[in-house]
N, C-alpha and C. Protein backbone atom coordinates (compact mmCIF):
# COMPACT_ATOMS: atom_id res chain seq x y z
N UNK A 1 -11.88 -10.48 28.26
CA UNK A 1 -12.45 -10.24 26.90
C UNK A 1 -11.56 -10.39 25.53
N UNK A 2 -11.93 -10.99 24.58
CA UNK A 2 -11.11 -10.63 23.39
C UNK A 2 -10.76 -9.50 22.83
N UNK A 3 -9.68 -9.47 22.43
CA UNK A 3 -9.58 -8.25 21.69
C UNK A 3 -8.25 -7.91 22.44
N UNK A 4 -7.43 -6.76 22.30
CA UNK A 4 -6.62 -5.65 22.52
C UNK A 4 -7.12 -4.49 23.05
N UNK A 5 -6.62 -4.08 23.49
CA UNK A 5 -7.33 -2.62 24.44
C UNK A 5 -6.41 -1.22 24.78
N UNK A 6 -4.99 -1.65 24.24
CA UNK A 6 -4.56 -0.68 25.07
C UNK A 6 -3.87 0.43 23.91
N UNK A 7 -3.36 1.62 24.22
CA UNK A 7 -3.45 2.50 23.34
C UNK A 7 -2.73 2.34 22.26
N UNK A 8 -1.73 1.55 21.55
CA UNK A 8 -1.28 0.77 20.59
C UNK A 8 -2.49 0.97 19.85
N UNK A 9 -3.66 0.76 20.27
CA UNK A 9 -4.88 0.30 18.52
C UNK A 9 -5.83 1.71 18.53
N UNK A 10 -5.94 2.66 19.98
CA UNK A 10 -6.95 3.52 19.97
C UNK A 10 -7.45 4.09 18.74
N UNK A 11 -5.83 4.62 18.19
CA UNK A 11 -6.25 5.15 16.80
C UNK A 11 -6.94 4.16 15.74
N UNK A 12 -6.76 3.21 15.68
CA UNK A 12 -7.34 2.55 14.63
C UNK A 12 -8.66 1.86 15.05
N UNK A 13 -9.45 1.93 16.41
CA UNK A 13 -10.85 2.05 16.39
C UNK A 13 -11.31 3.70 16.53
N UNK A 14 -10.88 4.65 16.83
CA UNK A 14 -11.35 5.96 16.55
C UNK A 14 -11.78 6.22 14.48
N UNK A 15 -10.42 5.41 13.88
CA UNK A 15 -10.96 5.75 12.79
C UNK A 15 -11.75 4.56 12.10
N UNK A 16 -11.87 3.54 12.75
CA UNK A 16 -12.90 2.99 12.25
C UNK A 16 -14.19 3.75 12.31
N UNK A 17 -14.47 4.04 13.45
CA UNK A 17 -15.90 5.13 14.22
C UNK A 17 -15.93 5.78 12.94
N UNK A 18 -14.60 6.81 12.60
CA UNK A 18 -14.74 7.63 12.07
C UNK A 18 -15.32 7.59 10.40
N UNK A 19 -15.01 6.25 9.92
CA UNK A 19 -15.37 5.91 8.95
C UNK A 19 -16.82 5.18 8.44
N UNK A 20 -17.25 4.85 9.92
CA UNK A 20 -18.58 3.96 9.70
C UNK A 20 -19.37 5.50 10.01
N UNK A 21 -18.89 6.05 10.87
CA UNK A 21 -19.91 7.38 10.54
C UNK A 21 -19.98 7.97 8.99
N UNK A 22 -18.76 8.29 8.45
CA UNK A 22 -18.90 9.20 7.09
C UNK A 22 -19.82 7.83 6.57
N UNK A 23 -20.14 6.79 6.75
CA UNK A 23 -21.02 6.49 5.76
C UNK A 23 -22.68 6.30 6.15
N UNK A 24 -22.95 6.55 7.53
CA UNK A 24 -23.93 6.94 7.78
C UNK A 24 -24.25 8.13 6.91
N UNK A 25 -23.28 8.81 7.62
CA UNK A 25 -23.70 10.36 6.58
C UNK A 25 -23.75 10.12 5.40
N UNK A 26 -23.04 9.97 4.42
CA UNK A 26 -23.15 9.38 2.83
C UNK A 26 -24.48 9.14 2.36
N UNK A 27 -25.19 7.87 3.51
CA UNK A 27 -26.58 7.69 3.23
C UNK A 27 -27.47 8.57 3.49
N UNK A 28 -27.20 9.81 3.96
CA UNK A 28 -27.87 10.80 4.43
C UNK A 28 -28.00 11.73 3.55
N UNK A 29 -26.95 11.82 2.52
CA UNK A 29 -26.97 12.30 1.24
C UNK A 29 -25.84 13.59 1.68
N UNK A 30 -25.49 13.25 3.41
CA UNK A 30 -24.35 14.88 3.28
C UNK A 30 -23.16 13.97 2.88
N UNK A 31 -22.85 14.53 1.60
CA UNK A 31 -21.26 14.17 1.48
C UNK A 31 -20.23 14.80 1.50
N UNK A 32 -20.39 16.27 2.61
CA UNK A 32 -19.30 16.99 3.03
C UNK A 32 -18.59 16.10 3.99
N UNK A 33 -19.69 16.12 5.47
CA UNK A 33 -19.23 15.20 6.31
C UNK A 33 -19.07 13.89 5.86
N UNK A 34 -19.17 13.35 4.91
CA UNK A 34 -18.72 12.38 4.79
C UNK A 34 -17.19 12.43 4.47
N UNK A 35 -16.70 13.03 3.53
CA UNK A 35 -15.40 13.44 2.74
C UNK A 35 -14.64 13.79 4.04
N UNK A 36 -15.47 14.46 5.12
CA UNK A 36 -14.64 14.99 6.77
C UNK A 36 -13.80 13.86 7.68
N UNK A 37 -15.24 13.24 7.74
CA UNK A 37 -14.96 11.37 8.47
C UNK A 37 -14.00 11.08 7.48
N UNK A 38 -13.73 10.67 6.14
CA UNK A 38 -12.39 9.40 5.70
C UNK A 38 -11.34 10.61 5.60
N UNK A 39 -10.94 11.92 5.24
CA UNK A 39 -10.08 12.39 5.69
C UNK A 39 -9.66 11.84 7.53
N UNK A 40 -10.29 12.00 8.36
CA UNK A 40 -10.16 12.14 10.08
C UNK A 40 -9.35 10.80 10.08
N UNK A 41 -10.38 9.78 8.90
CA UNK A 41 -9.86 8.26 8.96
C UNK A 41 -8.10 7.68 8.67
N UNK A 42 -7.95 9.17 7.68
CA UNK A 42 -6.71 8.76 7.02
C UNK A 42 -5.63 9.51 8.10
N UNK A 43 -5.68 10.83 9.01
CA UNK A 43 -5.23 11.27 10.18
C UNK A 43 -4.87 10.23 10.74
N UNK A 44 -5.71 9.23 11.20
CA UNK A 44 -5.86 8.25 12.32
C UNK A 44 -4.84 7.07 11.85
N UNK A 45 -5.20 6.62 10.43
CA UNK A 45 -4.21 5.56 10.16
C UNK A 45 -2.60 6.27 9.65
N UNK A 46 -2.66 7.77 9.55
CA UNK A 46 -0.86 7.59 9.39
C UNK A 46 -0.43 7.79 10.08
N UNK A 47 -0.93 7.79 11.87
CA UNK A 47 -0.23 8.10 13.13
C UNK A 47 -0.09 6.59 13.97
N UNK A 48 -1.53 5.62 13.90
CA UNK A 48 -1.47 4.95 14.65
C UNK A 48 -0.71 3.17 14.40
N UNK A 49 0.16 3.24 13.80
CA UNK A 49 1.47 2.45 13.72
C UNK A 49 2.82 3.28 14.37
N UNK A 50 2.19 5.08 14.20
CA UNK A 50 3.81 5.16 15.02
C UNK A 50 3.32 5.15 16.65
N UNK A 51 2.17 5.35 16.67
CA UNK A 51 1.79 5.36 18.02
C UNK A 51 2.54 3.63 18.87
N UNK A 52 1.80 2.76 17.85
CA UNK A 52 1.98 1.01 18.48
C UNK A 52 3.56 1.15 18.45
N UNK A 53 4.60 1.37 17.48
CA UNK A 53 5.79 1.31 17.96
C UNK A 53 6.46 1.69 18.81
N UNK A 54 5.58 3.02 19.53
CA UNK A 54 6.60 3.45 20.58
C UNK A 54 6.27 1.97 21.92
N UNK A 55 5.36 0.95 21.89
CA UNK A 55 5.34 0.07 22.55
C UNK A 55 6.60 -0.85 22.59
N UNK A 56 7.38 -0.83 23.05
CA UNK A 56 8.73 -1.87 22.99
C UNK A 56 8.31 -3.61 23.08
N UNK A 57 7.58 -3.52 24.05
CA UNK A 57 7.34 -5.03 24.20
C UNK A 57 6.01 -5.88 24.31
N UNK A 58 5.71 -5.85 22.80
CA UNK A 58 4.21 -6.31 22.41
C UNK A 58 4.92 -7.33 22.12
N UNK A 59 3.40 -8.45 22.54
CA UNK A 59 3.76 -9.87 22.49
C UNK A 59 3.15 -10.04 20.59
N UNK A 60 3.74 -11.69 20.23
CA UNK A 60 3.47 -11.44 18.86
C UNK A 60 2.14 -11.68 19.04
N UNK A 61 1.20 -12.47 19.52
CA UNK A 61 0.25 -11.84 18.95
C UNK A 61 -0.90 -10.51 18.99
N UNK A 62 -0.20 -9.48 20.08
CA UNK A 62 -0.48 -8.54 19.83
C UNK A 62 -0.19 -7.71 18.88
N UNK A 63 0.58 -8.03 18.14
CA UNK A 63 1.57 -7.60 16.68
C UNK A 63 0.63 -8.30 15.80
N UNK A 64 0.43 -9.24 15.67
CA UNK A 64 -0.88 -9.74 14.65
C UNK A 64 -1.98 -9.27 14.88
N UNK A 65 -2.63 -9.11 16.18
CA UNK A 65 -3.78 -8.34 16.07
C UNK A 65 -3.90 -7.24 15.72
N UNK A 66 -2.33 -6.58 15.76
CA UNK A 66 -2.54 -5.10 15.37
C UNK A 66 -2.59 -4.86 14.11
N UNK A 67 -2.27 -6.00 12.96
CA UNK A 67 -2.04 -6.05 11.22
C UNK A 67 -3.60 -6.73 10.97
N UNK A 68 -3.86 -7.32 11.55
CA UNK A 68 -5.52 -7.61 11.17
C UNK A 68 -6.68 -7.18 11.47
N UNK A 69 -6.33 -6.32 13.06
CA UNK A 69 -7.34 -4.76 12.82
C UNK A 69 -7.26 -3.57 11.85
N UNK A 70 -5.90 -3.47 11.70
CA UNK A 70 -5.93 -1.80 10.76
C UNK A 70 -6.27 -2.24 9.67
N UNK A 71 -6.36 -3.96 9.02
CA UNK A 71 -6.74 -4.08 7.75
C UNK A 71 -8.14 -3.76 7.89
N UNK A 72 -8.79 -4.87 8.68
CA UNK A 72 -10.48 -4.28 9.13
C UNK A 72 -10.94 -3.13 8.85
N UNK A 73 -9.99 -2.19 9.61
CA UNK A 73 -9.92 -0.74 9.55
C UNK A 73 -10.19 -0.30 8.46
N UNK A 74 -9.13 -0.56 7.66
CA UNK A 74 -8.92 0.12 6.32
C UNK A 74 -10.10 -0.38 5.23
N UNK A 75 -10.43 -1.07 5.48
CA UNK A 75 -11.34 -2.20 4.62
C UNK A 75 -12.90 -1.10 4.64
N UNK A 76 -13.37 -0.96 6.02
CA UNK A 76 -14.08 -0.03 6.52
C UNK A 76 -13.87 1.44 6.02
N UNK A 77 -12.93 1.76 6.46
CA UNK A 77 -12.81 3.39 5.92
C UNK A 77 -12.49 3.72 4.91
N UNK A 78 -11.75 2.74 3.76
CA UNK A 78 -11.03 3.20 2.76
C UNK A 78 -10.97 2.38 1.63
N UNK A 79 -11.89 1.32 2.17
CA UNK A 79 -12.77 0.72 1.05
C UNK A 79 -14.10 0.72 0.75
N UNK A 80 -14.85 0.15 2.12
CA UNK A 80 -16.61 0.75 1.86
C UNK A 80 -16.69 1.97 2.01
N UNK A 81 -16.67 3.32 3.03
CA UNK A 81 -16.76 4.27 2.41
C UNK A 81 -16.56 5.72 1.62
N UNK A 82 -14.97 5.64 0.62
CA UNK A 82 -15.27 5.90 -0.78
C UNK A 82 -16.40 5.30 -1.72
N UNK A 83 -16.21 3.85 -1.35
CA UNK A 83 -17.71 3.41 -2.34
C UNK A 83 -18.98 4.28 -2.03
N UNK A 84 -19.59 3.93 -1.09
CA UNK A 84 -20.76 4.59 -0.87
C UNK A 84 -20.50 6.26 -0.53
N UNK A 85 -19.89 6.75 -0.65
CA UNK A 85 -19.31 8.39 -1.43
C UNK A 85 -19.35 8.24 -2.83
N UNK A 86 -19.49 7.21 -3.57
CA UNK A 86 -18.76 7.74 -4.87
C UNK A 86 -20.38 7.27 -5.50
N UNK A 87 -21.28 6.23 -4.66
CA UNK A 87 -22.20 5.43 -5.07
C UNK A 87 -23.42 7.00 -4.67
N UNK A 88 -23.42 7.71 -3.77
CA UNK A 88 -23.99 8.50 -3.65
C UNK A 88 -24.16 10.03 -4.12
N UNK A 89 -22.95 9.76 -5.50
CA UNK A 89 -22.67 11.52 -5.94
C UNK A 89 -23.32 11.09 -7.12
N UNK A 90 -24.03 9.84 -8.10
CA UNK A 90 -24.78 9.68 -9.05
C UNK A 90 -25.75 9.21 -8.52
N UNK A 91 -26.49 9.03 -9.83
CA UNK A 91 -27.63 8.31 -10.17
C UNK A 91 -27.56 6.50 -9.85
N UNK A 92 -28.76 6.17 -8.84
CA UNK A 92 -28.37 4.59 -8.63
C UNK A 92 -28.79 3.70 -9.36
N UNK A 93 -27.67 3.87 -10.59
CA UNK A 93 -27.91 2.37 -11.54
C UNK A 93 -27.08 1.29 -11.54
N UNK A 94 -27.27 0.64 -11.79
CA UNK A 94 -26.46 -0.79 -11.75
C UNK A 94 -24.94 -0.83 -11.86
N UNK A 95 -24.97 0.17 -13.06
CA UNK A 95 -23.78 -0.14 -13.67
C UNK A 95 -22.79 1.04 -12.86
N UNK A 96 -22.96 1.91 -11.98
CA UNK A 96 -22.45 2.48 -10.76
C UNK A 96 -22.17 1.54 -9.51
N UNK A 97 -23.60 1.11 -9.34
CA UNK A 97 -23.02 0.39 -8.35
C UNK A 97 -22.48 -1.09 -8.70
N UNK A 98 -21.98 -1.18 -9.90
CA UNK A 98 -21.49 -2.49 -9.86
C UNK A 98 -19.64 -1.89 -9.95
N UNK A 99 -20.07 -0.48 -10.66
CA UNK A 99 -18.10 0.42 -10.18
C UNK A 99 -17.80 0.07 -8.76
N UNK A 100 -18.70 0.34 -8.07
CA UNK A 100 -18.41 0.63 -6.75
C UNK A 100 -18.24 -0.57 -5.66
N UNK A 101 -18.76 -1.66 -6.43
CA UNK A 101 -18.73 -2.92 -5.51
C UNK A 101 -17.66 -3.37 -5.37
N UNK A 102 -16.81 -3.27 -7.29
CA UNK A 102 -15.74 -3.66 -7.80
C UNK A 102 -14.53 -3.04 -7.38
N UNK A 103 -14.54 -2.06 -6.70
CA UNK A 103 -13.23 -1.08 -5.89
C UNK A 103 -13.71 -1.52 -4.60
N UNK A 104 -14.80 -2.03 -3.89
CA UNK A 104 -14.77 -2.39 -2.86
C UNK A 104 -14.12 -4.19 -2.49
N UNK A 105 -14.17 -4.68 -3.71
CA UNK A 105 -13.61 -5.75 -3.77
C UNK A 105 -12.10 -5.95 -4.32
N UNK A 106 -11.71 -4.64 -5.18
CA UNK A 106 -10.20 -4.86 -4.90
C UNK A 106 -9.40 -4.23 -3.81
N UNK A 107 -10.46 -3.68 -3.15
CA UNK A 107 -9.50 -3.04 -1.66
C UNK A 107 -9.87 -4.25 -0.66
N UNK A 108 -10.66 -5.18 -0.77
CA UNK A 108 -10.62 -5.79 -0.18
C UNK A 108 -9.23 -7.23 0.00
N UNK A 109 -8.92 -7.27 -2.00
CA UNK A 109 -8.00 -8.64 -1.71
C UNK A 109 -6.70 -7.58 -1.68
N UNK A 110 -6.55 -6.43 -2.01
CA UNK A 110 -4.99 -5.59 -1.78
C UNK A 110 -5.04 -5.80 -0.22
N UNK A 111 -6.18 -5.59 0.61
CA UNK A 111 -5.44 -5.76 2.10
C UNK A 111 -5.30 -7.26 2.12
N UNK A 112 -6.22 -8.45 2.30
CA UNK A 112 -5.98 -9.28 2.53
C UNK A 112 -4.73 -10.34 1.99
N UNK A 113 -4.18 -9.55 0.94
CA UNK A 113 -2.85 -9.78 0.20
C UNK A 113 -1.60 -9.17 1.54
N UNK A 114 -2.25 -8.01 1.88
CA UNK A 114 -0.79 -7.50 2.64
C UNK A 114 -1.20 -7.85 3.80
N UNK A 115 -1.77 -8.13 4.90
CA UNK A 115 -1.58 -9.07 5.83
C UNK A 115 -0.87 -10.20 5.75
N UNK A 116 -1.22 -10.79 4.23
CA UNK A 116 -0.36 -12.73 4.63
C UNK A 116 1.22 -12.27 3.92
N UNK A 117 1.41 -10.89 3.23
CA UNK A 117 3.17 -10.36 3.07
C UNK A 117 3.67 -9.94 4.47
N UNK A 118 2.65 -8.99 5.01
CA UNK A 118 2.93 -8.19 6.25
C UNK A 118 3.84 -9.52 7.51
N UNK A 119 2.81 -10.76 7.61
CA UNK A 119 3.31 -11.60 8.73
C UNK A 119 4.51 -12.48 8.40
N UNK A 120 4.80 -12.39 6.53
CA UNK A 120 5.93 -13.26 6.31
C UNK A 120 7.10 -12.37 6.41
N UNK A 121 6.79 -11.16 6.20
CA UNK A 121 8.16 -10.20 6.26
C UNK A 121 8.47 -9.76 8.01
N UNK A 122 7.56 -10.33 8.62
CA UNK A 122 7.92 -9.95 10.10
C UNK A 122 7.97 -11.09 10.37
N UNK A 123 8.58 -12.06 10.25
CA UNK A 123 9.12 -13.40 10.29
C UNK A 123 10.31 -13.25 10.58
N UNK A 124 11.08 -12.29 10.04
CA UNK A 124 12.52 -11.95 9.54
C UNK A 124 12.70 -11.07 9.33
N UNK A 125 12.61 -10.01 9.96
CA UNK A 125 12.26 -8.80 9.54
C UNK A 125 11.30 -7.48 10.29
N UNK A 126 11.66 -7.83 12.06
CA UNK A 126 10.86 -6.90 12.47
C UNK A 126 10.71 -5.20 12.52
N UNK A 127 11.76 -4.56 11.84
CA UNK A 127 11.99 -3.21 11.63
C UNK A 127 10.38 -2.97 10.56
N UNK A 128 10.36 -1.74 10.84
CA UNK A 128 9.46 -0.90 9.70
C UNK A 128 8.82 -1.66 8.08
N UNK A 129 8.60 -1.15 7.26
CA UNK A 129 8.35 -1.29 5.89
C UNK A 129 8.48 0.00 5.48
N UNK A 130 9.03 -0.08 4.53
CA UNK A 130 9.71 0.86 3.67
C UNK A 130 9.00 1.09 2.53
N UNK A 131 8.52 0.03 1.74
CA UNK A 131 7.96 -0.03 0.50
C UNK A 131 6.72 -0.73 -0.02
N UNK A 132 6.00 -0.98 -0.66
CA UNK A 132 4.48 -0.71 -0.98
C UNK A 132 4.50 -1.23 -2.01
N UNK A 133 3.94 -2.55 -2.48
CA UNK A 133 3.73 -2.59 -3.76
C UNK A 133 2.24 -2.71 -3.91
N UNK A 134 2.28 -1.71 -5.44
CA UNK A 134 0.68 -1.51 -5.56
C UNK A 134 0.08 -0.24 -4.85
N UNK A 135 -0.48 0.53 -4.65
CA UNK A 135 -1.43 1.70 -4.27
C UNK A 135 -2.02 1.15 -2.82
N UNK A 136 -1.40 1.94 -1.73
CA UNK A 136 -1.85 1.34 -0.70
C UNK A 136 -3.60 1.49 -0.38
N UNK A 137 -4.24 1.33 -0.19
CA UNK A 137 -5.89 1.85 0.02
C UNK A 137 -6.10 3.08 1.45
N UNK A 138 -4.94 3.21 1.69
CA UNK A 138 -5.19 4.64 2.51
C UNK A 138 -5.16 6.01 1.53
N UNK A 139 -4.57 5.64 0.08
CA UNK A 139 -4.68 6.82 -0.38
C UNK A 139 -5.83 7.17 -1.00
N UNK A 140 -7.15 6.85 -0.57
CA UNK A 140 -8.40 7.12 -0.82
C UNK A 140 -8.51 8.11 -0.23
N UNK A 141 -8.28 8.57 1.63
CA UNK A 141 -8.14 9.63 2.25
C UNK A 141 -7.99 11.11 1.64
N UNK A 142 -6.81 10.40 0.47
CA UNK A 142 -6.32 11.77 -0.18
C UNK A 142 -7.18 11.69 -1.43
N UNK A 143 -7.15 11.28 -2.38
CA UNK A 143 -7.48 11.10 -3.49
C UNK A 143 -8.86 11.45 -3.53
N UNK A 144 -10.35 10.80 -3.11
CA UNK A 144 -11.59 11.80 -3.26
C UNK A 144 -11.97 12.33 -2.78
N UNK A 145 -11.33 13.06 -1.28
CA UNK A 145 -11.63 14.42 -1.29
C UNK A 145 -10.83 15.38 -2.06
N UNK A 146 -9.75 15.29 -2.65
CA UNK A 146 -9.21 16.07 -3.54
C UNK A 146 -9.93 15.91 -4.99
N UNK A 147 -10.39 14.84 -5.47
CA UNK A 147 -10.99 15.08 -6.21
C UNK A 147 -12.17 15.81 -6.07
N UNK A 148 -13.36 15.46 -4.90
CA UNK A 148 -14.12 16.65 -4.61
C UNK A 148 -13.87 17.56 -4.72
N UNK A 149 -13.46 18.01 -4.09
CA UNK A 149 -12.25 19.86 -3.78
C UNK A 149 -12.33 20.04 -5.23
N UNK A 150 -11.29 19.54 -6.23
CA UNK A 150 -11.51 19.84 -7.61
C UNK A 150 -12.61 20.26 -8.33
N UNK A 151 -13.55 19.23 -8.19
CA UNK A 151 -15.02 19.73 -9.23
C UNK A 151 -15.85 20.50 -8.79
N UNK A 152 -15.36 20.69 -7.72
CA UNK A 152 -16.35 22.14 -6.77
C UNK A 152 -15.97 22.81 -7.16
N UNK A 153 -14.61 22.89 -7.21
CA UNK A 153 -13.67 24.52 -7.67
C UNK A 153 -14.08 25.11 -9.12
N UNK A 154 -13.49 23.57 -9.83
CA UNK A 154 -13.64 23.75 -11.69
C UNK A 154 -15.08 23.74 -11.64
N UNK A 155 -16.14 23.49 -11.21
CA UNK A 155 -17.77 22.74 -11.75
C UNK A 155 -17.58 22.13 -12.53
N UNK A 156 -16.49 20.90 -12.48
CA UNK A 156 -16.41 19.57 -13.31
C UNK A 156 -17.44 18.62 -12.89
N UNK A 157 -18.19 17.62 -13.94
CA UNK A 157 -19.13 16.28 -13.67
C UNK A 157 -18.77 15.62 -12.26
N UNK A 158 -18.90 15.83 -11.35
CA UNK A 158 -18.12 14.76 -10.27
C UNK A 158 -18.73 13.53 -10.16
N UNK A 159 -20.26 13.29 -10.83
CA UNK A 159 -20.70 12.05 -10.87
C UNK A 159 -19.75 10.95 -12.02
N UNK A 160 -19.46 11.51 -12.96
CA UNK A 160 -18.37 10.73 -13.83
C UNK A 160 -17.35 10.38 -13.45
N UNK A 161 -16.68 11.19 -12.77
CA UNK A 161 -15.42 11.37 -12.79
C UNK A 161 -15.05 10.98 -11.26
N UNK A 162 -16.19 10.96 -10.07
CA UNK A 162 -15.87 9.79 -9.15
C UNK A 162 -15.56 8.32 -10.00
N UNK A 163 -16.95 8.00 -10.42
CA UNK A 163 -16.82 6.51 -10.83
C UNK A 163 -15.58 6.00 -11.54
N UNK A 164 -15.07 7.08 -12.69
CA UNK A 164 -13.86 7.17 -13.36
C UNK A 164 -12.73 6.41 -12.58
N UNK A 165 -12.96 7.32 -11.02
CA UNK A 165 -11.78 7.59 -10.16
C UNK A 165 -11.39 6.40 -9.50
N UNK A 166 -12.81 6.01 -9.02
CA UNK A 166 -12.70 4.75 -8.29
C UNK A 166 -12.18 3.04 -9.10
N UNK A 167 -12.48 3.32 -10.13
CA UNK A 167 -12.37 2.28 -10.96
C UNK A 167 -10.46 2.27 -11.26
N UNK A 168 -10.03 3.40 -11.10
CA UNK A 168 -8.27 3.53 -11.66
C UNK A 168 -7.44 3.47 -10.60
N UNK A 169 -8.52 4.29 -9.61
CA UNK A 169 -7.65 3.76 -8.25
C UNK A 169 -7.74 1.91 -7.41
N UNK A 170 -8.83 1.71 -7.98
CA UNK A 170 -8.94 -0.01 -7.57
C UNK A 170 -7.82 -0.80 -8.38
N UNK A 171 -7.78 -0.44 -9.75
CA UNK A 171 -6.69 -1.33 -10.54
C UNK A 171 -5.14 -0.86 -10.06
N UNK A 172 -4.99 0.39 -9.34
CA UNK A 172 -3.87 0.73 -8.55
C UNK A 172 -3.72 0.22 -7.61
N UNK A 173 -4.73 -0.56 -6.87
CA UNK A 173 -4.18 -1.54 -5.55
C UNK A 173 -4.05 -2.43 -6.31
N UNK A 174 -4.19 -3.17 -7.36
CA UNK A 174 -3.50 -4.86 -7.67
C UNK A 174 -2.35 -4.66 -8.79
N UNK A 175 -1.76 -3.62 -8.75
CA UNK A 175 -1.21 -3.22 -9.72
C UNK A 175 0.10 -3.36 -8.82
N UNK A 176 1.01 -4.19 -9.00
CA UNK A 176 2.07 -4.44 -8.33
C UNK A 176 3.30 -3.96 -9.41
N UNK A 177 3.62 -2.54 -8.65
CA UNK A 177 4.26 -1.35 -8.90
C UNK A 177 4.62 -0.78 -7.67
N UNK A 178 6.60 -0.39 -7.15
CA UNK A 178 6.76 -0.20 -5.84
C UNK A 178 6.48 1.40 -5.89
N UNK A 179 6.06 1.26 -4.23
CA UNK A 179 5.95 2.55 -3.72
C UNK A 179 6.53 2.95 -2.38
N UNK A 180 7.79 4.28 -2.13
CA UNK A 180 8.45 4.42 -0.89
C UNK A 180 7.24 4.53 -0.14
N UNK A 181 7.21 4.59 1.04
CA UNK A 181 6.34 4.51 1.94
C UNK A 181 6.76 5.40 2.87
N UNK A 182 5.93 7.01 2.82
CA UNK A 182 6.79 7.73 3.84
C UNK A 182 6.85 7.81 4.93
N UNK A 183 8.08 8.88 5.27
CA UNK A 183 8.15 8.54 6.63
C UNK A 183 8.17 9.97 7.67
N UNK A 184 7.56 9.70 8.18
CA UNK A 184 7.02 10.90 9.96
C UNK A 184 8.39 11.35 10.17
N UNK A 185 9.21 10.70 10.74
CA UNK A 185 10.52 10.74 11.10
C UNK A 185 11.43 11.96 10.70
N UNK A 186 11.43 13.05 11.25
CA UNK A 186 12.26 14.07 10.78
C UNK A 186 14.09 13.88 11.40
N UNK A 187 14.50 14.00 10.08
CA UNK A 187 16.22 13.39 10.05
C UNK A 187 16.70 15.39 10.71
N UNK A 188 17.60 14.86 12.01
CA UNK A 188 17.76 16.15 12.20
C UNK A 188 19.46 16.43 11.18
N UNK A 189 19.55 17.64 11.63
CA UNK A 189 20.71 18.05 10.42
C UNK A 189 21.88 17.64 11.04
N UNK A 190 23.45 17.11 10.76
CA UNK A 190 24.40 17.19 11.45
C UNK A 190 24.97 18.53 11.92
N UNK A 191 25.53 18.78 13.11
CA UNK A 191 25.93 19.59 13.58
C UNK A 191 27.16 20.37 12.51
N UNK A 192 27.24 21.33 12.01
CA UNK A 192 28.47 22.10 11.09
C UNK A 192 29.35 22.42 12.44
N UNK A 193 30.76 21.52 11.91
CA UNK A 193 31.79 22.25 12.12
C UNK A 193 32.75 23.37 12.13
N UNK A 194 33.45 23.94 13.14
CA UNK A 194 33.84 25.13 12.81
C UNK A 194 34.81 25.05 11.44
N UNK A 195 34.42 26.34 10.45
CA UNK A 195 34.97 26.32 9.41
C UNK A 195 36.65 26.93 9.35
N UNK A 196 37.21 26.71 10.75
CA UNK A 196 38.12 27.64 10.78
C UNK A 196 39.57 25.96 10.48
N UNK A 197 40.68 26.22 9.98
CA UNK A 197 41.70 25.34 9.73
C UNK A 197 42.27 24.42 10.66
N UNK A 198 42.77 23.72 10.87
CA UNK A 198 43.64 23.57 11.92
C UNK A 198 44.65 24.07 11.91
N UNK A 199 45.24 24.76 12.97
CA UNK A 199 46.39 26.15 13.37
C UNK A 199 47.59 24.93 12.76
N UNK A 200 48.71 24.52 11.65
CA UNK A 200 49.86 24.90 12.06
C UNK A 200 50.85 24.78 13.55
N UNK A 201 51.26 23.50 13.12
CA UNK A 201 52.50 23.63 13.83
C UNK A 201 53.50 24.78 13.56
N UNK A 202 54.02 25.54 14.50
CA UNK A 202 54.83 26.23 14.13
C UNK A 202 56.52 25.86 13.82
N UNK A 203 57.56 26.52 13.22
CA UNK A 203 58.34 26.11 12.69
C UNK A 203 59.37 25.56 14.21
N UNK A 204 59.64 26.34 15.29
CA UNK A 204 60.17 26.28 16.55
C UNK A 204 59.73 25.22 17.35
N UNK A 205 58.38 24.90 17.11
CA UNK A 205 57.52 23.97 17.81
C UNK A 205 58.49 22.86 16.97
N UNK A 206 58.50 22.89 15.64
CA UNK A 206 58.59 21.82 15.04
C UNK A 206 60.49 21.09 15.19
N UNK A 207 61.18 22.33 15.29
CA UNK A 207 62.12 21.79 15.47
C UNK A 207 63.10 21.74 16.99
N UNK A 208 62.25 21.80 17.71
CA UNK A 208 62.18 21.19 19.28
C UNK A 208 61.88 19.99 19.69
């Protein structure tokens, strides 16, 4: 059977299924559940790389498959799903449709470029990436739920703001600014040694 089916990719598969479920919810007009599915996909994406790194002996094909499948899942979860949510929040005009399509296109270009850059990086550096260029597409799992919550809390017009936010995020996808990748590892604080000063040698000991 083609593909990889071990535990290193299971969270990626779950995240993609959650993203697809969110698309169906948005089509049915259930925006709240679509937002929930988007956040679930974001949580899966947050930990899938950490889970994959626990397997020490991964072949070159498994690593490259992981890169590709992660980006394809990201396109569904953080490219198509947010665009469908934004489209469902306003009237179905051609202008809104064009804005949502532009968002998906920018997400697609960024993910394709990331694949190229990541494969080239892994040829000489097998460690984890520390810096991103441009806004990662996974940030959609934070931006759009936050926007939806703020609009509901302060009674802001969600329709115009959602399309404006999607275009702003789409531009950030392709803007080459550096952003540090957040780390999930917790650094242990070094143990503090006793504050007592070392005992001085007595005068008799020195003379002897």
